[in-house]
């Protein structure tokens, strides 16, 4: 996706690769609020009898 030559990829620092990934994927999503999490838990409760 980054179209880097292998030598350029391996020469890049982790910070440079992370910056490139952020540039492609956009800013990270904001974390859920407590209320949003509670709404998801209420909407999709654990079954209790299922594995996983």
PDB file of N, CA and C in Angstrom:
ATOM      1  N   UNK A   1       0.817  -1.184   0.000  1.00  0.00           N
ATOM      2  CA  UNK A   1       0.000   0.000   0.000  1.00  0.00           C
ATOM      3  C   UNK A   1       0.867   1.257   0.000  1.00  0.00           C
ATOM      4  N   UNK A   2       1.964   1.201   0.715  1.00  0.00           N
ATOM      5  CA  UNK A   2       2.823   2.376   0.790  1.00  0.00           C
ATOM      6  C   UNK A   2       3.723   2.510  -0.444  1.00  0.00           C
ATOM      7  N   UNK A   3       3.829   1.436  -1.173  1.00  0.00           N
ATOM      8  CA  UNK A   3       4.655   1.399  -2.382  1.00  0.00           C
ATOM      9  C   UNK A   3       6.095   1.808  -2.113  1.00  0.00           C
ATOM     10  N   UNK A   4       6.611   1.332  -1.008  1.00  0.00           N
ATOM     11  CA  UNK A   4       8.005   1.569  -0.679  1.00  0.00           C
ATOM     12  C   UNK A   4       8.849   0.419  -1.205  1.00  0.00           C
ATOM     13  N   UNK A   5      10.017   0.754  -1.678  1.00  0.00           N
ATOM     14  CA  UNK A   5      10.966  -0.296  -2.032  1.00  0.00           C
ATOM     15  C   UNK A   5      11.364  -1.009  -0.739  1.00  0.00           C
ATOM     16  N   UNK A   6      11.666  -2.298  -0.812  1.00  0.00           N
ATOM     17  CA  UNK A   6      12.031  -3.018   0.414  1.00  0.00           C
ATOM     18  C   UNK A   6      13.139  -2.319   1.205  1.00  0.00           C
ATOM     19  N   UNK A   7      14.155  -1.804   0.522  1.00  0.00           N
ATOM     20  CA  UNK A   7      15.251  -1.147   1.251  1.00  0.00           C
ATOM     21  C   UNK A   7      14.752   0.088   1.986  1.00  0.00           C
ATOM     22  N   UNK A   8      13.791   0.804   1.407  1.00  0.00           N
ATOM     23  CA  UNK A   8      13.238   1.989   2.059  1.00  0.00           C
ATOM     24  C   UNK A   8      12.342   1.616   3.235  1.00  0.00           C
ATOM     25  N   UNK A   9      11.565   0.539   3.064  1.00  0.00           N
ATOM     26  CA  UNK A   9      10.718   0.069   4.158  1.00  0.00           C
ATOM     27  C   UNK A   9      11.569  -0.312   5.360  1.00  0.00           C
ATOM     28  N   UNK A  10      12.577  -1.128   5.137  1.00  0.00           N
ATOM     29  CA  UNK A  10      13.395  -1.617   6.243  1.00  0.00           C
ATOM     30  C   UNK A  10      14.281  -0.532   6.827  1.00  0.00           C
ATOM     31  N   UNK A  11      14.514   0.542   6.086  1.00  0.00           N
ATOM     32  CA  UNK A  11      15.306   1.649   6.612  1.00  0.00           C
ATOM     33  C   UNK A  11      14.447   2.627   7.419  1.00  0.00           C
ATOM     34  N   UNK A  12      13.134   2.539   7.264  1.00  0.00           N
ATOM     35  CA  UNK A  12      12.229   3.457   7.962  1.00  0.00           C
ATOM     36  C   UNK A  12      12.153   3.121   9.446  1.00  0.00           C
ATOM     37  N   UNK A  13      11.953   4.138  10.251  1.00  0.00           N
ATOM     38  CA  UNK A  13      11.774   3.918  11.689  1.00  0.00           C
ATOM     39  C   UNK A  13      10.325   3.508  11.958  1.00  0.00           C
ATOM     40  N   UNK A  14      10.059   2.883  13.096  1.00  0.00           N
ATOM     41  CA  UNK A  14       8.671   2.567  13.442  1.00  0.00           C
ATOM     42  C   UNK A  14       7.778   3.819  13.437  1.00  0.00           C
ATOM     43  N   UNK A  15       8.312   4.952  13.883  1.00  0.00           N
ATOM     44  CA  UNK A  15       7.522   6.189  13.884  1.00  0.00           C
ATOM     45  C   UNK A  15       7.162   6.612  12.462  1.00  0.00           C
ATOM     46  N   UNK A  16       8.084   6.441  11.531  1.00  0.00           N
ATOM     47  CA  UNK A  16       7.801   6.797  10.131  1.00  0.00           C
ATOM     48  C   UNK A  16       6.740   5.882   9.530  1.00  0.00           C
ATOM     49  N   UNK A  17       6.832   4.600   9.814  1.00  0.00           N
ATOM     50  CA  UNK A  17       5.825   3.646   9.310  1.00  0.00           C
ATOM     51  C   UNK A  17       4.469   3.953   9.935  1.00  0.00           C
ATOM     52  N   UNK A  18       4.438   4.254  11.231  1.00  0.00           N
ATOM     53  CA  UNK A  18       3.180   4.596  11.898  1.00  0.00           C
ATOM     54  C   UNK A  18       2.575   5.858  11.301  1.00  0.00           C
ATOM     55  N   UNK A  19       3.402   6.854  11.026  1.00  0.00           N
ATOM     56  CA  UNK A  19       2.903   8.091  10.427  1.00  0.00           C
ATOM     57  C   UNK A  19       2.331   7.827   9.043  1.00  0.00           C
ATOM     58  N   UNK A  20       2.990   6.988   8.279  1.00  0.00           N
ATOM     59  CA  UNK A  20       2.493   6.655   6.943  1.00  0.00           C
ATOM     60  C   UNK A  20       1.159   5.909   7.037  1.00  0.00           C
ATOM     61  N   UNK A  21       1.051   4.998   7.991  1.00  0.00           N
ATOM     62  CA  UNK A  21      -0.196   4.252   8.173  1.00  0.00           C
ATOM     63  C   UNK A  21      -1.327   5.187   8.575  1.00  0.00           C
ATOM     64  N   UNK A  22      -1.040   6.132   9.488  1.00  0.00           N
ATOM     65  CA  UNK A  22      -2.064   7.101   9.877  1.00  0.00           C
ATOM     66  C   UNK A  22      -2.481   7.951   8.683  1.00  0.00           C
ATOM     67  N   UNK A  23      -1.525   8.296   7.851  1.00  0.00           N
ATOM     68  CA  UNK A  23      -1.840   9.084   6.670  1.00  0.00           C
ATOM     69  C   UNK A  23      -2.760   8.355   5.717  1.00  0.00           C
ATOM     70  N   UNK A  24      -2.640   7.045   5.654  1.00  0.00           N
ATOM     71  CA  UNK A  24      -3.491   6.258   4.764  1.00  0.00           C
ATOM     72  C   UNK A  24      -4.851   5.959   5.397  1.00  0.00           C
ATOM     73  N   UNK A  25      -4.863   5.700   6.692  1.00  0.00           N
ATOM     74  CA  UNK A  25      -6.091   5.265   7.353  1.00  0.00           C
ATOM     75  C   UNK A  25      -6.894   6.419   7.941  1.00  0.00           C
ATOM     76  N   UNK A  26      -6.281   7.574   8.065  1.00  0.00           N
ATOM     77  CA  UNK A  26      -6.964   8.693   8.683  1.00  0.00           C
ATOM     78  C   UNK A  26      -6.769   8.674  10.183  1.00  0.00           C
ATOM     79  N   UNK A  27      -7.351   9.652  10.857  1.00  0.00           N
ATOM     80  CA  UNK A  27      -7.166   9.727  12.309  1.00  0.00           C
ATOM     81  C   UNK A  27      -7.853   8.558  13.010  1.00  0.00           C
ATOM     82  N   UNK A  28      -7.334   8.151  14.158  1.00  0.00           N
ATOM     83  CA  UNK A  28      -7.965   7.049  14.887  1.00  0.00           C
ATOM     84  C   UNK A  28      -9.352   7.449  15.389  1.00  0.00           C
ATOM     85  N   UNK A  29     -10.196   6.466  15.528  1.00  0.00           N
ATOM     86  CA  UNK A  29     -11.542   6.706  16.052  1.00  0.00           C
ATOM     87  C   UNK A  29     -11.453   7.100  17.519  1.00  0.00           C
ATOM     88  N   UNK A  30     -12.387   7.935  17.950  1.00  0.00           N
ATOM     89  CA  UNK A  30     -12.385   8.323  19.361  1.00  0.00           C
ATOM     90  C   UNK A  30     -12.941   7.167  20.187  1.00  0.00           C
ATOM     91  N   UNK A  31     -12.466   7.028  21.410  1.00  0.00           N
ATOM     92  CA  UNK A  31     -12.962   5.947  22.275  1.00  0.00           C
ATOM     93  C   UNK A  31     -14.448   6.136  22.588  1.00  0.00           C
ATOM     94  N   UNK A  32     -15.105   5.030  22.897  1.00  0.00           N
ATOM     95  CA  UNK A  32     -16.505   5.092  23.303  1.00  0.00           C
ATOM     96  C   UNK A  32     -16.641   5.795  24.642  1.00  0.00           C
ATOM     97  N   UNK A  33     -17.735   6.489  24.810  1.00  0.00           N
ATOM     98  CA  UNK A  33     -18.053   7.044  26.123  1.00  0.00           C
ATOM     99  C   UNK A  33     -18.664   5.922  26.966  1.00  0.00           C
ATOM    100  N   UNK A  34     -18.785   6.154  28.265  1.00  0.00           N
ATOM    101  CA  UNK A  34     -19.428   5.149  29.126  1.00  0.00           C
ATOM    102  C   UNK A  34     -20.860   4.884  28.672  1.00  0.00           C
ATOM    103  N   UNK A  35     -21.552   5.938  28.285  1.00  0.00           N
ATOM    104  CA  UNK A  35     -22.926   5.786  27.837  1.00  0.00           C
ATOM    105  C   UNK A  35     -23.036   4.975  26.553  1.00  0.00           C
ATOM    106  N   UNK A  36     -22.131   5.221  25.614  1.00  0.00           N
ATOM    107  CA  UNK A  36     -22.138   4.460  24.361  1.00  0.00           C
ATOM    108  C   UNK A  36     -21.836   2.990  24.619  1.00  0.00           C
ATOM    109  N   UNK A  37     -20.879   2.734  25.495  1.00  0.00           N
ATOM    110  CA  UNK A  37     -20.557   1.348  25.844  1.00  0.00           C
ATOM    111  C   UNK A  37     -21.741   0.674  26.524  1.00  0.00           C
ATOM    112  N   UNK A  38     -22.389   1.364  27.447  1.00  0.00           N
ATOM    113  CA  UNK A  38     -23.553   0.805  28.138  1.00  0.00           C
ATOM    114  C   UNK A  38     -24.672   0.485  27.149  1.00  0.00           C
ATOM    115  N   UNK A  39     -24.870   1.364  26.165  1.00  0.00           N
ATOM    116  CA  UNK A  39     -25.908   1.120  25.157  1.00  0.00           C
ATOM    117  C   UNK A  39     -25.580  -0.118  24.330  1.00  0.00           C
ATOM    118  N   UNK A  40     -24.314  -0.302  23.972  1.00  0.00           N
ATOM    119  CA  UNK A  40     -23.922  -1.498  23.216  1.00  0.00           C
ATOM    120  C   UNK A  40     -24.099  -2.763  24.045  1.00  0.00           C
ATOM    121  N   UNK A  41     -23.725  -2.686  25.317  1.00  0.00           N
ATOM    122  CA  UNK A  41     -23.883  -3.854  26.198  1.00  0.00           C
ATOM    123  C   UNK A  41     -25.361  -4.218  26.337  1.00  0.00           C
ATOM    124  N   UNK A  42     -26.214  -3.214  26.463  1.00  0.00           N
ATOM    125  CA  UNK A  42     -27.650  -3.474  26.574  1.00  0.00           C
ATOM    126  C   UNK A  42     -28.209  -4.055  25.281  1.00  0.00           C
ATOM    127  N   UNK A  43     -27.708  -3.563  24.169  1.00  0.00           N
ATOM    128  CA  UNK A  43     -28.225  -4.017  22.872  1.00  0.00           C
ATOM    129  C   UNK A  43     -27.719  -5.405  22.500  1.00  0.00           C
ATOM    130  N   UNK A  44     -26.484  -5.715  22.889  1.00  0.00           N
ATOM    131  CA  UNK A  44     -25.864  -6.994  22.537  1.00  0.00           C
ATOM    132  C   UNK A  44     -25.350  -7.690  23.796  1.00  0.00           C
ATOM    133  N   UNK A  45     -26.265  -8.159  24.660  1.00  0.00           N
ATOM    134  CA  UNK A  45     -25.821  -8.806  25.902  1.00  0.00           C
ATOM    135  C   UNK A  45     -25.144 -10.147  25.625  1.00  0.00           C
ATOM    136  N   UNK A  46     -24.257 -10.549  26.536  1.00  0.00           N
ATOM    137  CA  UNK A  46     -23.659 -11.872  26.435  1.00  0.00           C
ATOM    138  C   UNK A  46     -24.748 -12.908  26.631  1.00  0.00           C
ATOM    139  N   UNK A  47     -24.669 -13.991  25.869  1.00  0.00           N
ATOM    140  CA  UNK A  47     -25.666 -15.045  25.959  1.00  0.00           C
ATOM    141  C   UNK A  47     -25.539 -15.846  27.239  1.00  0.00           C
ATOM    142  N   UNK A  48     -24.331 -15.959  27.779  1.00  0.00           N
ATOM    143  CA  UNK A  48     -24.131 -16.715  29.001  1.00  0.00           C
ATOM    144  C   UNK A  48     -23.991 -18.206  28.769  1.00  0.00           C
ATOM    145  N   UNK A  49     -24.661 -18.756  27.752  1.00  0.00           N
ATOM    146  CA  UNK A  49     -24.587 -20.184  27.503  1.00  0.00           C
ATOM    147  C   UNK A  49     -23.781 -20.517  26.251  1.00  0.00           C
ATOM    148  N   UNK A  50     -23.152 -19.523  25.663  1.00  0.00           N
ATOM    149  CA  UNK A  50     -22.367 -19.745  24.453  1.00  0.00           C
ATOM    150  C   UNK A  50     -20.885 -19.685  24.772  1.00  0.00           C
ATOM    151  N   UNK A  51     -20.116 -20.501  24.075  1.00  0.00           N
ATOM    152  CA  UNK A  51     -18.656 -20.461  24.228  1.00  0.00           C
ATOM    153  C   UNK A  51     -18.122 -19.275  23.442  1.00  0.00           C
ATOM    154  N   UNK A  52     -17.026 -18.676  23.930  1.00  0.00           N
ATOM    155  CA  UNK A  52     -16.375 -17.653  23.135  1.00  0.00           C
ATOM    156  C   UNK A  52     -16.339 -16.364  23.797  1.00  0.00           C
TER     157      UNK A  52
END
